[in-house]
Protein backbone atom coordinates (compact mmCIF):
# COMPACT_ATOMS: atom_id res chain seq x y z
CA UNK A 1 72.58 43.46 94.72
CA UNK A 2 71.92 45.27 97.98
CA UNK A 3 72.66 42.10 99.91
CA UNK A 4 75.98 41.76 98.09
CA UNK A 5 76.89 45.40 98.83
CA UNK A 6 75.97 44.91 102.48
CA UNK A 7 78.14 41.81 102.68
CA UNK A 8 81.10 43.63 101.15
CA UNK A 9 80.67 46.53 103.56
CA UNK A 10 80.42 44.19 106.52
CA UNK A 11 83.53 42.32 105.39
CA UNK A 12 85.48 45.57 105.02
CA UNK A 13 84.39 46.79 108.47
CA UNK A 14 85.39 43.47 110.00
CA UNK A 15 88.79 43.76 108.31
CA UNK A 16 89.30 47.28 109.72
CA UNK A 17 88.29 46.19 113.24
CA UNK A 18 90.62 43.18 113.09
CA UNK A 19 93.48 45.31 111.80
CA UNK A 20 93.05 47.89 114.57
CA UNK A 21 92.87 45.09 117.14
CA UNK A 22 96.17 43.67 115.88
CA UNK A 23 97.78 47.12 116.08
CA UNK A 24 96.45 47.62 119.60
CA UNK A 25 97.80 44.25 120.72
CA UNK A 26 101.16 44.96 119.07
CA UNK A 27 101.43 48.36 120.78
CA UNK A 28 100.47 46.82 124.13
CA UNK A 29 103.14 44.14 123.81
CA UNK A 30 105.76 46.78 122.96
CA UNK A 31 104.78 48.93 125.95
CA UNK A 32 105.01 45.94 128.29
CA UNK A 33 108.39 44.96 126.87
CA UNK A 34 109.66 48.55 127.02
CA UNK A 35 108.66 48.85 130.67
CA UNK A 36 110.50 45.65 131.52
CA UNK A 37 113.64 46.52 129.55
CA UNK A 38 113.74 50.09 130.88
CA UNK A 39 113.49 48.83 134.48
CA UNK A 40 116.35 46.42 133.87
CA UNK A 41 118.48 49.21 132.40
CA UNK A 42 117.99 51.26 135.57
CA UNK A 43 119.18 48.37 137.68
CA UNK A 44 122.72 48.01 136.38
CA UNK A 45 125.38 48.96 133.89
CA UNK A 46 126.01 47.71 130.38
CA UNK A 47 129.36 46.09 129.76
CA UNK A 48 130.50 46.26 126.16
CA UNK A 49 132.51 43.24 124.97
CA UNK A 50 133.63 43.11 121.31
CA UNK A 51 132.95 39.38 121.07
CA UNK A 52 129.26 40.12 121.54
CA UNK A 53 129.20 42.01 118.24
CA UNK A 54 131.35 40.02 115.86
CA UNK A 55 130.95 40.70 112.13
CA UNK A 56 129.73 44.27 112.80
CA UNK A 57 131.43 47.62 112.28
CA UNK A 58 131.76 48.00 116.06
CA UNK A 59 134.72 45.61 116.13
CA UNK A 60 136.85 47.63 113.71
CA UNK A 61 139.90 49.31 115.22
CA UNK A 62 139.12 52.78 116.60
CA UNK A 63 140.10 55.80 114.56
CA UNK A 64 142.80 58.01 115.98
CA UNK A 65 141.27 59.98 118.81
CA UNK A 66 141.71 63.72 118.95
CA UNK A 67 142.78 65.06 122.34
CA UNK A 68 139.96 65.27 124.85
CA UNK A 69 140.86 68.91 125.43
CA UNK A 70 138.81 69.86 122.34
CA UNK A 71 136.09 72.10 123.70
CA UNK A 72 132.47 71.83 122.66
CA UNK A 73 131.66 75.10 120.87
CA UNK A 74 128.65 77.14 121.91
CA UNK A 75 126.80 76.48 118.67
CA UNK A 76 123.36 75.00 118.09
CA UNK A 77 123.06 73.50 114.61
CA UNK A 78 119.91 72.69 112.68
CA UNK A 79 119.43 71.85 109.01
CA UNK A 80 116.66 72.66 106.58
CA UNK A 81 117.39 71.34 103.10
CA UNK A 82 113.90 71.43 101.64
CA UNK A 83 113.05 70.98 98.91
CA UNK A 84 110.00 73.00 100.02
CA UNK A 85 110.05 76.11 102.20
CA UNK A 86 109.28 75.48 105.88
CA UNK A 87 105.58 75.53 106.72
CA UNK A 88 104.11 77.60 109.57
CA UNK A 89 104.77 74.96 112.23
CA UNK A 90 108.38 74.50 111.13
CA UNK A 91 108.89 78.29 111.05
CA UNK A 92 107.62 78.46 114.62
CA UNK A 93 110.16 75.78 115.55
CA UNK A 94 112.97 77.73 113.84
CA UNK A 95 111.97 80.86 115.76
CA UNK A 96 111.96 78.81 118.96
CA UNK A 97 115.48 77.52 118.28
CA UNK A 98 116.74 81.02 117.56
CA UNK A 99 115.66 82.06 121.07
CA UNK A 100 118.09 79.62 122.69
CA UNK A 101 120.27 81.64 125.10
CA UNK A 102 124.08 81.82 125.15
CA UNK A 103 124.60 79.89 121.90
CA UNK A 104 125.14 80.82 118.30
CA UNK A 105 122.20 79.33 116.41
CA UNK A 106 123.06 78.23 112.88
CA UNK A 107 120.19 77.11 110.65
CA UNK A 108 122.01 75.58 107.69
CA UNK A 109 120.18 75.71 104.36
CA UNK A 110 123.22 75.33 102.11
CA UNK A 111 125.55 72.40 102.95
CA UNK A 112 128.50 74.33 101.49
CA UNK A 113 128.33 76.53 104.61
CA UNK A 114 129.85 73.76 106.73
CA UNK A 115 132.09 71.89 104.25
CA UNK A 116 135.80 72.21 105.03
CA UNK A 117 138.39 72.36 102.22
CA UNK A 118 140.52 69.62 103.78
CA UNK A 119 137.51 67.38 104.44
CA UNK A 120 135.25 67.36 101.36
CA UNK A 121 131.88 65.65 101.44
CA UNK A 122 131.62 62.10 100.18
CA UNK A 123 131.01 62.04 96.39
CA UNK A 124 127.64 60.32 96.98
CA UNK A 125 126.37 63.22 99.10
CA UNK A 126 124.86 65.02 96.13
CA UNK A 127 122.65 62.01 95.31
CA UNK A 128 121.22 61.58 98.82
CA UNK A 129 117.65 62.69 99.36
CA UNK A 130 117.18 65.75 101.64
CA UNK A 131 116.52 63.65 104.75
CA UNK A 132 119.70 61.61 104.28
CA UNK A 133 121.65 64.77 103.45
CA UNK A 134 120.59 66.01 106.88
CA UNK A 135 121.68 62.70 108.43
CA UNK A 136 125.05 63.05 106.69
CA UNK A 137 125.51 66.61 107.91
CA UNK A 138 124.83 65.58 111.51
CA UNK A 139 127.80 63.22 111.41
CA UNK A 140 130.02 65.62 109.46
CA UNK A 141 129.29 68.66 111.63
CA UNK A 142 129.53 66.81 114.94
CA UNK A 143 132.92 65.35 113.97
CA UNK A 144 134.53 68.37 112.33
CA UNK A 145 132.83 71.25 114.18
CA UNK A 146 131.08 69.91 117.28
CA UNK A 147 128.35 71.56 119.31
CA UNK A 148 124.65 70.91 119.78
CA UNK A 149 122.20 69.69 117.16
CA UNK A 150 118.41 69.81 117.10
CA UNK A 151 115.79 68.83 114.56
CA UNK A 152 113.50 71.63 113.38
CA UNK A 153 111.23 71.07 116.37
CA UNK A 154 110.35 72.93 119.55
CA UNK A 155 113.20 72.78 122.08
CA UNK A 156 112.36 74.15 125.51
CA UNK A 157 115.50 73.65 127.64
CA UNK A 158 118.71 75.70 127.23
CA UNK A 159 121.32 73.55 125.48
CA UNK A 160 124.08 75.92 126.65
CA UNK A 161 123.83 74.32 130.09
CA UNK A 162 124.52 70.89 128.57
CA UNK A 163 127.46 72.26 126.59
CA UNK A 164 128.87 73.73 129.82
CA UNK A 165 128.51 70.37 131.56
CA UNK A 166 130.36 68.54 128.78
CA UNK A 167 133.12 71.14 128.78
CA UNK A 168 133.58 70.67 132.51
CA UNK A 169 133.77 66.86 132.12
CA UNK A 170 136.53 66.01 129.59
CA UNK A 171 135.90 62.28 129.98
CA UNK A 172 132.47 62.73 128.39
CA UNK A 173 132.14 62.96 124.62
CA UNK A 174 128.44 63.41 124.00
CA UNK A 175 125.10 64.22 125.56
CA UNK A 176 121.69 63.06 124.45
CA UNK A 177 118.25 62.00 125.61
CA UNK A 178 117.49 58.34 126.14
CA UNK A 179 115.61 56.72 123.29
CA UNK A 180 111.91 56.79 124.16
CA UNK A 181 110.82 53.35 122.91
CA UNK A 182 112.32 50.21 121.44
CA UNK A 183 110.16 50.83 118.36
CA UNK A 184 112.52 53.68 117.43
CA UNK A 185 115.75 51.69 117.39
CA UNK A 186 116.68 50.04 114.09
CA UNK A 187 115.75 46.45 113.31
CA UNK A 188 119.23 45.04 112.87
CA UNK A 189 120.13 41.37 112.57
CA UNK A 190 121.56 38.94 115.08
CA UNK A 191 122.99 39.97 118.45
CA UNK A 192 123.30 43.66 117.64
CA UNK A 193 119.59 44.00 116.94
CA UNK A 194 118.73 42.04 120.08
CA UNK A 195 120.88 44.24 122.30
CA UNK A 196 119.53 47.46 120.78
CA UNK A 197 115.95 46.39 121.48
CA UNK A 198 116.65 45.23 125.02
CA UNK A 199 118.98 48.12 125.87
CA UNK A 200 117.09 50.88 124.06
CA UNK A 201 117.28 53.15 127.11
CA UNK A 202 121.08 53.08 126.90
CA UNK A 203 121.22 54.73 123.46
CA UNK A 204 120.48 58.32 122.47
CA UNK A 205 117.61 59.47 120.31
CA UNK A 206 118.53 61.11 116.99
CA UNK A 207 116.55 64.36 117.23
CA UNK A 208 118.77 66.31 119.62
CA UNK A 209 122.27 65.88 121.04
CA UNK A 210 125.61 67.54 121.83
CA UNK A 211 129.02 66.24 120.70
CA UNK A 212 132.60 67.04 121.44
CA UNK A 213 134.34 67.22 118.04
CA UNK A 214 136.98 64.81 116.86
CA UNK A 215 136.48 61.91 119.26
CA UNK A 216 136.70 58.21 118.45
CA UNK A 217 132.88 58.11 118.54
CA UNK A 218 132.41 60.75 115.84
CA UNK A 219 135.36 59.39 113.87
CA UNK A 220 133.86 55.90 113.73
CA UNK A 221 130.46 57.38 112.91
CA UNK A 222 131.83 59.21 109.87
CA UNK A 223 134.03 56.29 108.82
CA UNK A 224 131.15 53.81 108.82
CA UNK A 225 128.82 56.27 107.09
CA UNK A 226 131.39 56.78 104.34
CA UNK A 227 131.92 53.02 104.01
CA UNK A 228 128.19 52.60 103.40
CA UNK A 229 128.13 55.45 100.91
CA UNK A 230 131.03 53.84 99.04
CA UNK A 231 128.78 50.81 98.60
CA UNK A 232 125.69 52.84 97.67
CA UNK A 233 127.42 55.38 95.43
CA UNK A 234 126.41 53.91 92.07
CA UNK A 235 122.87 52.83 93.10
CA UNK A 236 122.30 56.36 94.44
CA UNK A 237 123.46 57.91 91.20
CA UNK A 238 121.19 55.60 89.22
CA UNK A 239 118.19 56.40 91.44
CA UNK A 240 118.63 60.13 90.82
CA UNK A 241 116.68 61.22 93.89
CA UNK A 242 118.98 63.93 95.22
CA UNK A 243 116.28 66.62 94.97
CA UNK A 244 113.29 64.40 95.77
CA UNK A 245 110.96 64.57 98.75
CA UNK A 246 112.54 63.45 102.04
CA UNK A 247 109.45 61.40 102.89
CA UNK A 248 108.86 59.59 99.61
CA UNK A 249 110.22 56.08 99.13
CA UNK A 250 110.95 55.69 95.42
CA UNK A 251 111.39 52.15 94.21
CA UNK A 252 115.05 52.46 93.21
CA UNK A 253 116.32 54.58 96.11
CA UNK A 254 118.71 52.18 97.89
CA UNK A 255 119.10 53.50 101.45
CA UNK A 256 116.72 52.64 104.27
CA UNK A 257 115.34 55.37 106.54
CA UNK A 258 117.83 54.91 109.40
CA UNK A 259 120.72 53.30 107.52
CA UNK A 260 123.25 56.14 107.78
CA UNK A 261 122.15 57.60 111.13
CA UNK A 262 120.40 55.45 113.74
CA UNK A 263 121.89 52.22 112.40
CA UNK A 264 125.34 53.65 113.19
CA UNK A 265 124.94 56.07 116.11
CA UNK A 266 122.86 53.84 118.37
CA UNK A 267 125.18 50.82 118.17
CA UNK A 268 128.10 53.15 118.91
CA UNK A 269 126.27 54.24 122.06
CA UNK A 270 126.56 50.66 123.34
CA UNK A 271 130.29 50.67 122.60
CA UNK A 272 130.96 54.06 124.23
CA UNK A 273 128.37 53.89 127.02
CA UNK A 274 130.69 55.42 129.62
CA UNK A 275 131.25 58.51 127.45
CA UNK A 276 127.59 59.58 127.34
CA UNK A 277 125.79 62.16 129.45
CA UNK A 278 122.09 61.31 129.33
CA UNK A 279 119.79 64.30 129.72
CA UNK A 280 116.30 65.27 128.59
CA UNK A 281 117.47 68.86 128.18
CA UNK A 282 118.30 68.17 124.51
CA UNK A 283 115.09 66.34 123.68
CA UNK A 284 112.84 68.40 121.40
CA UNK A 285 109.09 68.05 121.09
CA UNK A 286 108.60 64.73 119.30
CA UNK A 287 104.91 65.12 118.44
CA UNK A 288 102.92 67.37 116.11
CA UNK A 289 105.99 68.97 114.57
CA UNK A 290 105.14 68.67 110.87
């Protein structure tokens, strides 16, 4: 019996070692690829051509663009929709955000605070889980209100300086930090997925950014998000996860993690590359924030 137990233990340890070795090799390959792709991005510009992205939402006609004279308001937005109260680390991050100079800091806990009478939320909003409600609000607020956004994480640089820079450059619509690794861009099919992986340094990360309100970028972001919610409306209602944990993955919940945020925003960054100000000033701390 002891021999059998020893064999089982040895087999399990061998499995763990092999698994960790595979992960290490995978991570090494990604780092090598990221280094190569990042170097190539520094060496030239990206030219967007609609024929590269046929059968994707990028090729739809642009929405009507609001005048570029729309100023970026001096507001820093963040959302906490629970369901639990923020823990100590998150409360420290909220206090950190509130210390941002020269901006009005708005920590939204009730979505009704930002909903406009003439622009009601999509009917499926109520059935989104808290994480996807936050994703929805990012699009809604950036399009209809504008300003800066940050996750509930430590943010060290003053975003007011970035807002000032956008307001002095009317040809620019948004500011964000470059995505940090190709692992963080969505795994999308065909050419769009290939370009996102290879050009990951040309798209913004989702944890902090600044947007001018009412541009074609934000308009297409909201339009595509609403189109997806039209499709998911009934499955969301059936899943009944509107008050569930943002990190659980219930069997019947129909929306993938990045499906209404990164899957839309990062492709749009390729389309509107010349409208982006890239800056690390809006990148929050991306480790040890929970």
